[in-house]
Amino acid sequence: MKWMLRHSVKPGDIGQLTYLHGTIYAREYQYDTTFEAYVASGIADFIQSFKHGKDHIWLAEVNHELVGSIAIVGRSQRQAQLRWFFVHPHYRGHGIGRKLIEEAIRFSKRAGYKTIYLWTTSQLATARHLYLASGFKKTEEKEHRIWGQKIREEKYRLQV
């Protein structure tokens, strides 16, 4: 299987990323439509306030089909947030996720960030494994009702 990464957003990508997150997380984790709205809102804000050199997005494609994503969002001069890390279930296990995380860390170093943080949920075991393998450390967790169920969110941080 041949896949590629691209670094720019084309018309339809925002909707496709929102759709993939919404449908696949509903199927795999039973998240409701409020999760899809959360993703849509965040991606829209990111695109509208994009800061070249401080923000970046990577989109993984197979045969021009969007199958993965990750983004770095600058939060301050020294700190960035990793967001929208996703690999379609049919394409997991092919190194796409690892490459997306590597690219995000490499960009963050070049951009001068000292810390990258992310929020995930305890349900995303494969993503957590990749975060830990990349040097992220869990720094916080909280449990609350969100996206139609009781969720344990976890915060991870990496010094770059």
N, C-alpha and C. Protein backbone atom coordinates (compact mmCIF):
# COMPACT_ATOMS: atom_id res chain seq x y z
N MET A 1 0.84 -1.19 0.00
CA MET A 1 0.00 0.00 0.00
C MET A 1 0.88 1.25 0.00
N LYS A 2 0.65 2.13 -0.93
CA LYS A 2 1.42 3.38 -1.03
C LYS A 2 0.57 4.53 -0.51
N TRP A 3 1.14 5.30 0.41
CA TRP A 3 0.45 6.47 0.94
C TRP A 3 1.40 7.65 0.87
N MET A 4 0.83 8.85 0.96
CA MET A 4 1.63 10.07 0.91
C MET A 4 1.09 11.08 1.92
N LEU A 5 1.94 12.01 2.29
CA LEU A 5 1.53 13.11 3.16
C LEU A 5 1.49 14.39 2.35
N ARG A 6 0.48 15.19 2.60
CA ARG A 6 0.46 16.53 2.02
C ARG A 6 0.30 17.53 3.16
N HIS A 7 0.66 18.78 2.86
CA HIS A 7 0.77 19.80 3.89
C HIS A 7 -0.17 20.97 3.69
N SER A 8 -1.11 20.85 2.80
CA SER A 8 -2.03 21.96 2.60
C SER A 8 -3.46 21.43 2.56
N VAL A 9 -4.37 22.28 2.95
CA VAL A 9 -5.78 21.93 2.98
C VAL A 9 -6.43 22.35 1.67
N LYS A 10 -7.18 21.44 1.09
CA LYS A 10 -7.91 21.71 -0.15
C LYS A 10 -9.40 21.80 0.18
N PRO A 11 -10.18 22.38 -0.73
CA PRO A 11 -11.63 22.39 -0.52
C PRO A 11 -12.15 20.97 -0.30
N GLY A 12 -12.98 20.83 0.71
CA GLY A 12 -13.55 19.54 1.07
C GLY A 12 -12.84 18.84 2.21
N ASP A 13 -11.57 19.22 2.48
CA ASP A 13 -10.81 18.54 3.53
C ASP A 13 -11.40 18.75 4.93
N ILE A 14 -11.85 19.96 5.20
CA ILE A 14 -12.42 20.23 6.54
C ILE A 14 -13.64 19.34 6.76
N GLY A 15 -14.51 19.28 5.77
CA GLY A 15 -15.68 18.42 5.88
C GLY A 15 -15.32 16.95 5.97
N GLN A 16 -14.34 16.53 5.18
CA GLN A 16 -13.94 15.13 5.19
C GLN A 16 -13.31 14.74 6.51
N LEU A 17 -12.44 15.60 7.07
CA LEU A 17 -11.84 15.31 8.37
C LEU A 17 -12.92 15.23 9.46
N THR A 18 -13.85 16.15 9.42
CA THR A 18 -14.95 16.15 10.38
C THR A 18 -15.77 14.87 10.23
N TYR A 19 -16.10 14.51 9.01
CA TYR A 19 -16.88 13.31 8.73
C TYR A 19 -16.16 12.05 9.24
N LEU A 20 -14.88 11.92 8.92
CA LEU A 20 -14.12 10.74 9.35
C LEU A 20 -14.06 10.64 10.87
N HIS A 21 -13.72 11.73 11.52
CA HIS A 21 -13.69 11.72 12.99
C HIS A 21 -15.06 11.34 13.55
N GLY A 22 -16.09 12.00 13.05
CA GLY A 22 -17.44 11.77 13.56
C GLY A 22 -17.93 10.35 13.37
N THR A 23 -17.81 9.83 12.16
CA THR A 23 -18.37 8.50 11.88
C THR A 23 -17.54 7.38 12.50
N ILE A 24 -16.23 7.50 12.44
CA ILE A 24 -15.40 6.40 12.95
C ILE A 24 -15.38 6.39 14.47
N TYR A 25 -15.33 7.55 15.11
CA TYR A 25 -15.36 7.56 16.57
C TYR A 25 -16.74 7.16 17.09
N ALA A 26 -17.78 7.43 16.34
CA ALA A 26 -19.12 6.94 16.73
C ALA A 26 -19.14 5.41 16.66
N ARG A 27 -18.60 4.86 15.60
CA ARG A 27 -18.58 3.41 15.42
C ARG A 27 -17.68 2.72 16.45
N GLU A 28 -16.47 3.26 16.64
CA GLU A 28 -15.51 2.59 17.52
C GLU A 28 -15.72 2.87 19.01
N TYR A 29 -16.19 4.07 19.35
CA TYR A 29 -16.26 4.46 20.76
C TYR A 29 -17.63 4.96 21.19
N GLN A 30 -18.59 4.94 20.27
CA GLN A 30 -19.97 5.37 20.54
C GLN A 30 -20.07 6.86 20.92
N TYR A 31 -19.17 7.69 20.41
CA TYR A 31 -19.27 9.13 20.63
C TYR A 31 -20.49 9.63 19.86
N ASP A 32 -21.17 10.62 20.42
CA ASP A 32 -22.36 11.16 19.75
C ASP A 32 -21.99 12.34 18.84
N THR A 33 -23.00 12.99 18.30
CA THR A 33 -22.75 14.07 17.33
C THR A 33 -22.09 15.30 17.95
N THR A 34 -22.13 15.43 19.28
CA THR A 34 -21.45 16.58 19.88
C THR A 34 -19.93 16.48 19.68
N PHE A 35 -19.41 15.25 19.53
CA PHE A 35 -17.98 15.09 19.24
C PHE A 35 -17.67 15.61 17.84
N GLU A 36 -18.52 15.26 16.89
CA GLU A 36 -18.32 15.73 15.52
C GLU A 36 -18.37 17.26 15.46
N ALA A 37 -19.29 17.85 16.20
CA ALA A 37 -19.39 19.32 16.25
C ALA A 37 -18.13 19.92 16.87
N TYR A 38 -17.61 19.28 17.91
CA TYR A 38 -16.37 19.72 18.56
C TYR A 38 -15.21 19.72 17.56
N VAL A 39 -15.09 18.64 16.79
CA VAL A 39 -14.03 18.55 15.78
C VAL A 39 -14.22 19.63 14.72
N ALA A 40 -15.43 19.77 14.21
CA ALA A 40 -15.71 20.75 13.16
C ALA A 40 -15.36 22.16 13.61
N SER A 41 -15.77 22.50 14.81
CA SER A 41 -15.51 23.84 15.34
C SER A 41 -14.01 24.10 15.48
N GLY A 42 -13.29 23.13 16.02
CA GLY A 42 -11.85 23.30 16.22
C GLY A 42 -11.09 23.43 14.91
N ILE A 43 -11.43 22.58 13.94
CA ILE A 43 -10.75 22.64 12.65
C ILE A 43 -11.07 23.95 11.93
N ALA A 44 -12.31 24.38 12.01
CA ALA A 44 -12.69 25.66 11.37
C ALA A 44 -11.91 26.81 11.99
N ASP A 45 -11.81 26.85 13.31
CA ASP A 45 -11.04 27.90 13.98
C ASP A 45 -9.57 27.86 13.56
N PHE A 46 -9.02 26.66 13.47
CA PHE A 46 -7.63 26.49 13.09
C PHE A 46 -7.38 27.06 11.69
N ILE A 47 -8.23 26.73 10.74
CA ILE A 47 -8.07 27.20 9.37
C ILE A 47 -8.22 28.72 9.29
N GLN A 48 -9.20 29.25 10.01
CA GLN A 48 -9.46 30.70 9.95
C GLN A 48 -8.39 31.53 10.63
N SER A 49 -7.70 30.97 11.62
CA SER A 49 -6.68 31.75 12.34
C SER A 49 -5.27 31.21 12.10
N PHE A 50 -5.08 30.44 11.04
CA PHE A 50 -3.81 29.79 10.73
C PHE A 50 -2.66 30.79 10.71
N LYS A 51 -1.57 30.44 11.42
CA LYS A 51 -0.37 31.27 11.47
C LYS A 51 0.78 30.48 10.82
N HIS A 52 1.15 30.89 9.61
CA HIS A 52 2.22 30.22 8.89
C HIS A 52 3.50 30.22 9.73
N GLY A 53 4.16 29.07 9.82
CA GLY A 53 5.39 28.95 10.60
C GLY A 53 5.14 28.57 12.04
N LYS A 54 3.92 28.75 12.52
CA LYS A 54 3.57 28.39 13.90
C LYS A 54 2.53 27.28 13.95
N ASP A 55 1.69 27.19 12.93
CA ASP A 55 0.67 26.14 12.82
C ASP A 55 1.00 25.29 11.60
N HIS A 56 0.61 24.03 11.66
CA HIS A 56 0.84 23.15 10.51
C HIS A 56 -0.14 21.99 10.56
N ILE A 57 -0.47 21.47 9.39
CA ILE A 57 -1.32 20.29 9.29
C ILE A 57 -0.72 19.33 8.28
N TRP A 58 -0.88 18.05 8.56
CA TRP A 58 -0.45 16.99 7.65
C TRP A 58 -1.67 16.12 7.39
N LEU A 59 -1.86 15.77 6.14
CA LEU A 59 -2.97 14.93 5.73
C LEU A 59 -2.39 13.72 4.99
N ALA A 60 -2.74 12.54 5.44
CA ALA A 60 -2.28 11.31 4.80
C ALA A 60 -3.32 10.87 3.79
N GLU A 61 -2.84 10.47 2.61
CA GLU A 61 -3.73 10.04 1.54
C GLU A 61 -3.28 8.71 0.95
N VAL A 62 -4.26 7.94 0.54
CA VAL A 62 -4.05 6.74 -0.26
C VAL A 62 -4.94 6.90 -1.49
N ASN A 63 -4.32 6.88 -2.67
CA ASN A 63 -5.09 7.07 -3.92
C ASN A 63 -6.00 8.30 -3.86
N HIS A 64 -5.48 9.40 -3.37
CA HIS A 64 -6.19 10.68 -3.26
C HIS A 64 -7.36 10.63 -2.27
N GLU A 65 -7.41 9.60 -1.43
CA GLU A 65 -8.44 9.49 -0.39
C GLU A 65 -7.80 9.84 0.95
N LEU A 66 -8.43 10.74 1.70
CA LEU A 66 -7.94 11.16 3.01
C LEU A 66 -8.06 10.00 4.00
N VAL A 67 -6.94 9.59 4.60
CA VAL A 67 -6.95 8.46 5.53
C VAL A 67 -6.32 8.78 6.88
N GLY A 68 -5.76 9.99 7.04
CA GLY A 68 -5.14 10.34 8.31
C GLY A 68 -4.85 11.81 8.41
N SER A 69 -4.63 12.25 9.64
CA SER A 69 -4.34 13.67 9.86
C SER A 69 -3.64 13.87 11.19
N ILE A 70 -3.01 15.01 11.28
CA ILE A 70 -2.45 15.52 12.53
C ILE A 70 -2.19 17.00 12.32
N ALA A 71 -2.24 17.77 13.38
CA ALA A 71 -1.95 19.21 13.27
C ALA A 71 -1.21 19.68 14.50
N ILE A 72 -0.44 20.73 14.31
CA ILE A 72 0.19 21.46 15.41
C ILE A 72 -0.42 22.85 15.42
N VAL A 73 -0.93 23.23 16.58
CA VAL A 73 -1.56 24.53 16.78
C VAL A 73 -0.72 25.29 17.80
N GLY A 74 -0.17 26.43 17.39
CA GLY A 74 0.61 27.24 18.31
C GLY A 74 -0.29 27.86 19.37
N ARG A 75 0.07 27.67 20.62
CA ARG A 75 -0.72 28.23 21.72
C ARG A 75 -0.01 29.39 22.40
N SER A 76 1.31 29.43 22.30
CA SER A 76 2.12 30.55 22.80
C SER A 76 3.46 30.47 22.08
N GLN A 77 4.37 31.36 22.40
CA GLN A 77 5.69 31.33 21.76
C GLN A 77 6.41 30.01 22.03
N ARG A 78 6.15 29.43 23.20
CA ARG A 78 6.90 28.25 23.63
C ARG A 78 6.11 26.95 23.62
N GLN A 79 4.80 27.04 23.41
CA GLN A 79 3.96 25.86 23.58
C GLN A 79 3.01 25.65 22.39
N ALA A 80 2.92 24.38 21.97
CA ALA A 80 2.01 24.00 20.86
C ALA A 80 1.12 22.86 21.32
N GLN A 81 -0.02 22.76 20.66
CA GLN A 81 -0.93 21.66 20.93
C GLN A 81 -1.00 20.75 19.71
N LEU A 82 -0.90 19.46 19.93
CA LEU A 82 -1.08 18.47 18.88
C LEU A 82 -2.56 18.13 18.83
N ARG A 83 -3.16 18.20 17.64
CA ARG A 83 -4.60 17.97 17.51
C ARG A 83 -4.92 17.12 16.29
N TRP A 84 -6.10 16.55 16.29
CA TRP A 84 -6.72 15.82 15.18
C TRP A 84 -5.86 14.69 14.64
N PHE A 85 -5.17 14.00 15.56
CA PHE A 85 -4.41 12.83 15.16
C PHE A 85 -5.40 11.70 14.88
N PHE A 86 -5.32 11.19 13.67
CA PHE A 86 -6.30 10.20 13.24
C PHE A 86 -5.73 9.38 12.10
N VAL A 87 -5.96 8.07 12.14
CA VAL A 87 -5.67 7.20 11.00
C VAL A 87 -6.89 6.30 10.82
N HIS A 88 -7.39 6.26 9.60
CA HIS A 88 -8.55 5.43 9.28
C HIS A 88 -8.26 3.97 9.65
N PRO A 89 -9.22 3.27 10.24
CA PRO A 89 -8.97 1.89 10.69
C PRO A 89 -8.43 0.96 9.60
N HIS A 90 -8.82 1.14 8.36
CA HIS A 90 -8.33 0.27 7.29
C HIS A 90 -6.85 0.47 6.98
N TYR A 91 -6.28 1.58 7.47
CA TYR A 91 -4.90 1.91 7.14
C TYR A 91 -3.98 1.94 8.36
N ARG A 92 -4.49 1.50 9.49
CA ARG A 92 -3.66 1.43 10.70
C ARG A 92 -2.68 0.27 10.55
N GLY A 93 -1.52 0.42 11.20
CA GLY A 93 -0.52 -0.63 11.15
C GLY A 93 0.43 -0.54 9.97
N HIS A 94 0.37 0.56 9.22
CA HIS A 94 1.25 0.74 8.06
C HIS A 94 2.28 1.86 8.27
N GLY A 95 2.41 2.35 9.50
CA GLY A 95 3.40 3.38 9.80
C GLY A 95 2.91 4.80 9.59
N ILE A 96 1.67 4.97 9.20
CA ILE A 96 1.15 6.32 8.94
C ILE A 96 1.11 7.13 10.24
N GLY A 97 0.58 6.56 11.29
CA GLY A 97 0.48 7.27 12.57
C GLY A 97 1.83 7.68 13.11
N ARG A 98 2.77 6.76 13.07
CA ARG A 98 4.12 7.06 13.56
C ARG A 98 4.75 8.21 12.75
N LYS A 99 4.58 8.16 11.43
CA LYS A 99 5.14 9.22 10.57
C LYS A 99 4.47 10.56 10.85
N LEU A 100 3.15 10.57 11.05
CA LEU A 100 2.46 11.83 11.36
C LEU A 100 3.00 12.44 12.65
N ILE A 101 3.17 11.63 13.67
CA ILE A 101 3.69 12.15 14.95
C ILE A 101 5.13 12.65 14.77
N GLU A 102 5.95 11.90 14.06
CA GLU A 102 7.34 12.35 13.81
C GLU A 102 7.37 13.70 13.12
N GLU A 103 6.54 13.87 12.10
CA GLU A 103 6.49 15.15 11.37
C GLU A 103 6.05 16.29 12.29
N ALA A 104 5.07 16.03 13.12
CA ALA A 104 4.57 17.07 14.04
C ALA A 104 5.65 17.48 15.03
N ILE A 105 6.39 16.53 15.55
CA ILE A 105 7.46 16.84 16.51
C ILE A 105 8.59 17.59 15.80
N ARG A 106 8.96 17.15 14.62
CA ARG A 106 10.03 17.81 13.86
C ARG A 106 9.66 19.26 13.57
N PHE A 107 8.42 19.50 13.12
CA PHE A 107 7.97 20.86 12.85
C PHE A 107 8.01 21.71 14.12
N SER A 108 7.55 21.14 15.23
CA SER A 108 7.50 21.89 16.49
C SER A 108 8.88 22.34 16.93
N LYS A 109 9.87 21.49 16.74
CA LYS A 109 11.26 21.86 17.06
C LYS A 109 11.71 23.02 16.18
N ARG A 110 11.46 22.91 14.86
CA ARG A 110 11.86 23.98 13.92
C ARG A 110 11.14 25.29 14.23
N ALA A 111 9.90 25.20 14.69
CA ALA A 111 9.11 26.40 14.99
C ALA A 111 9.52 27.04 16.32
N GLY A 112 10.39 26.38 17.07
CA GLY A 112 10.89 26.94 18.32
C GLY A 112 10.06 26.62 19.56
N TYR A 113 9.12 25.71 19.43
CA TYR A 113 8.33 25.34 20.60
C TYR A 113 9.20 24.53 21.56
N LYS A 114 8.96 24.70 22.83
CA LYS A 114 9.67 23.95 23.86
C LYS A 114 8.83 22.80 24.40
N THR A 115 7.52 22.94 24.27
CA THR A 115 6.60 21.92 24.78
C THR A 115 5.48 21.69 23.78
N ILE A 116 5.12 20.42 23.60
CA ILE A 116 3.91 20.04 22.85
C ILE A 116 3.01 19.33 23.84
N TYR A 117 1.74 19.69 23.87
CA TYR A 117 0.80 18.95 24.70
C TYR A 117 -0.37 18.49 23.84
N LEU A 118 -1.09 17.52 24.34
CA LEU A 118 -2.27 17.00 23.66
C LEU A 118 -3.24 16.47 24.70
N TRP A 119 -4.49 16.44 24.30
CA TRP A 119 -5.55 15.79 25.08
C TRP A 119 -6.06 14.61 24.27
N THR A 120 -6.26 13.49 24.92
CA THR A 120 -6.83 12.31 24.28
C THR A 120 -7.76 11.66 25.30
N THR A 121 -8.31 10.52 24.96
CA THR A 121 -9.14 9.79 25.91
C THR A 121 -8.50 8.44 26.20
N SER A 122 -8.86 7.88 27.33
CA SER A 122 -8.29 6.59 27.74
C SER A 122 -8.66 5.47 26.77
N GLN A 123 -9.70 5.65 25.97
CA GLN A 123 -10.13 4.63 25.03
C GLN A 123 -9.18 4.46 23.85
N LEU A 124 -8.39 5.47 23.55
CA LEU A 124 -7.55 5.45 22.35
C LEU A 124 -6.18 4.83 22.65
N ALA A 125 -6.18 3.52 22.91
CA ALA A 125 -4.98 2.81 23.36
C ALA A 125 -3.85 2.84 22.32
N THR A 126 -4.16 2.69 21.06
CA THR A 126 -3.12 2.68 20.03
C THR A 126 -2.45 4.05 19.92
N ALA A 127 -3.25 5.10 19.95
CA ALA A 127 -2.69 6.45 19.91
C ALA A 127 -1.82 6.69 21.14
N ARG A 128 -2.32 6.28 22.31
CA ARG A 128 -1.55 6.46 23.55
C ARG A 128 -0.20 5.76 23.43
N HIS A 129 -0.19 4.55 22.87
CA HIS A 129 1.06 3.80 22.69
C HIS A 129 2.04 4.60 21.82
N LEU A 130 1.54 5.19 20.73
CA LEU A 130 2.41 5.99 19.86
C LEU A 130 2.91 7.25 20.56
N TYR A 131 2.05 7.89 21.35
CA TYR A 131 2.48 9.08 22.09
C TYR A 131 3.60 8.72 23.06
N LEU A 132 3.40 7.65 23.82
CA LEU A 132 4.41 7.24 24.80
C LEU A 132 5.72 6.84 24.11
N ALA A 133 5.61 6.13 22.99
CA ALA A 133 6.81 5.72 22.24
C ALA A 133 7.56 6.92 21.68
N SER A 134 6.87 8.03 21.50
CA SER A 134 7.49 9.26 20.98
C SER A 134 8.01 10.16 22.09
N GLY A 135 7.86 9.74 23.34
CA GLY A 135 8.41 10.49 24.46
C GLY A 135 7.42 11.31 25.25
N PHE A 136 6.15 11.33 24.86
CA PHE A 136 5.14 12.06 25.62
C PHE A 136 4.95 11.39 26.98
N LYS A 137 4.64 12.20 27.98
CA LYS A 137 4.37 11.71 29.34
C LYS A 137 2.99 12.21 29.76
N LYS A 138 2.23 11.31 30.41
CA LYS A 138 0.91 11.72 30.90
C LYS A 138 1.10 12.64 32.10
N THR A 139 0.42 13.80 32.07
CA THR A 139 0.57 14.79 33.14
C THR A 139 -0.72 15.09 33.88
N GLU A 140 -1.84 14.66 33.32
CA GLU A 140 -3.12 15.02 33.94
C GLU A 140 -4.19 14.09 33.41
N GLU A 141 -5.22 13.86 34.20
CA GLU A 141 -6.41 13.19 33.69
C GLU A 141 -7.62 13.70 34.43
N LYS A 142 -8.75 13.66 33.74
CA LYS A 142 -10.01 14.08 34.34
C LYS A 142 -11.13 13.26 33.73
N GLU A 143 -12.11 12.99 34.54
CA GLU A 143 -13.25 12.20 34.08
C GLU A 143 -14.49 13.07 34.12
N HIS A 144 -15.26 13.04 33.05
CA HIS A 144 -16.49 13.82 33.00
C HIS A 144 -17.39 13.28 31.90
N ARG A 145 -18.59 13.79 31.86
CA ARG A 145 -19.54 13.37 30.84
C ARG A 145 -19.42 14.31 29.63
N ILE A 146 -19.09 13.72 28.51
CA ILE A 146 -18.91 14.48 27.27
C ILE A 146 -19.12 13.52 26.10
N TRP A 147 -19.58 14.03 24.98
CA TRP A 147 -19.76 13.26 23.76
C TRP A 147 -20.69 12.06 23.96
N GLY A 148 -21.66 12.23 24.88
CA GLY A 148 -22.68 11.22 25.09
C GLY A 148 -22.32 10.12 26.05
N GLN A 149 -21.22 10.25 26.77
CA GLN A 149 -20.83 9.21 27.72
C GLN A 149 -19.83 9.73 28.74
N LYS A 150 -19.53 8.89 29.71
CA LYS A 150 -18.53 9.24 30.71
C LYS A 150 -17.15 8.91 30.11
N ILE A 151 -16.30 9.92 30.04
CA ILE A 151 -15.00 9.81 29.37
C ILE A 151 -13.89 10.17 30.36
N ARG A 152 -12.77 9.47 30.27
CA ARG A 152 -11.58 9.88 31.01
C ARG A 152 -10.61 10.49 30.00
N GLU A 153 -10.47 11.80 30.08
CA GLU A 153 -9.52 12.50 29.21
C GLU A 153 -8.15 12.49 29.87
N GLU A 154 -7.13 12.40 29.02
CA GLU A 154 -5.75 12.36 29.49
C GLU A 154 -4.95 13.43 28.75
N LYS A 155 -4.13 14.13 29.51
CA LYS A 155 -3.25 15.13 28.92
C LYS A 155 -1.83 14.58 28.90
N TYR A 156 -1.17 14.75 27.76
CA TYR A 156 0.21 14.32 27.59
C TYR A 156 1.05 15.51 27.18
N ARG A 157 2.32 15.47 27.58
CA ARG A 157 3.23 16.58 27.31
C ARG A 157 4.58 16.03 26.86
N LEU A 158 5.19 16.75 25.93
CA LEU A 158 6.53 16.39 25.45
C LEU A 158 7.39 17.64 25.46
N GLN A 159 8.56 17.55 26.07
CA GLN A 159 9.55 18.63 26.00
C GLN A 159 10.36 18.40 24.72
N VAL A 160 10.42 19.42 23.85
CA VAL A 160 11.14 19.25 22.59
C VAL A 160 12.42 20.07 22.54
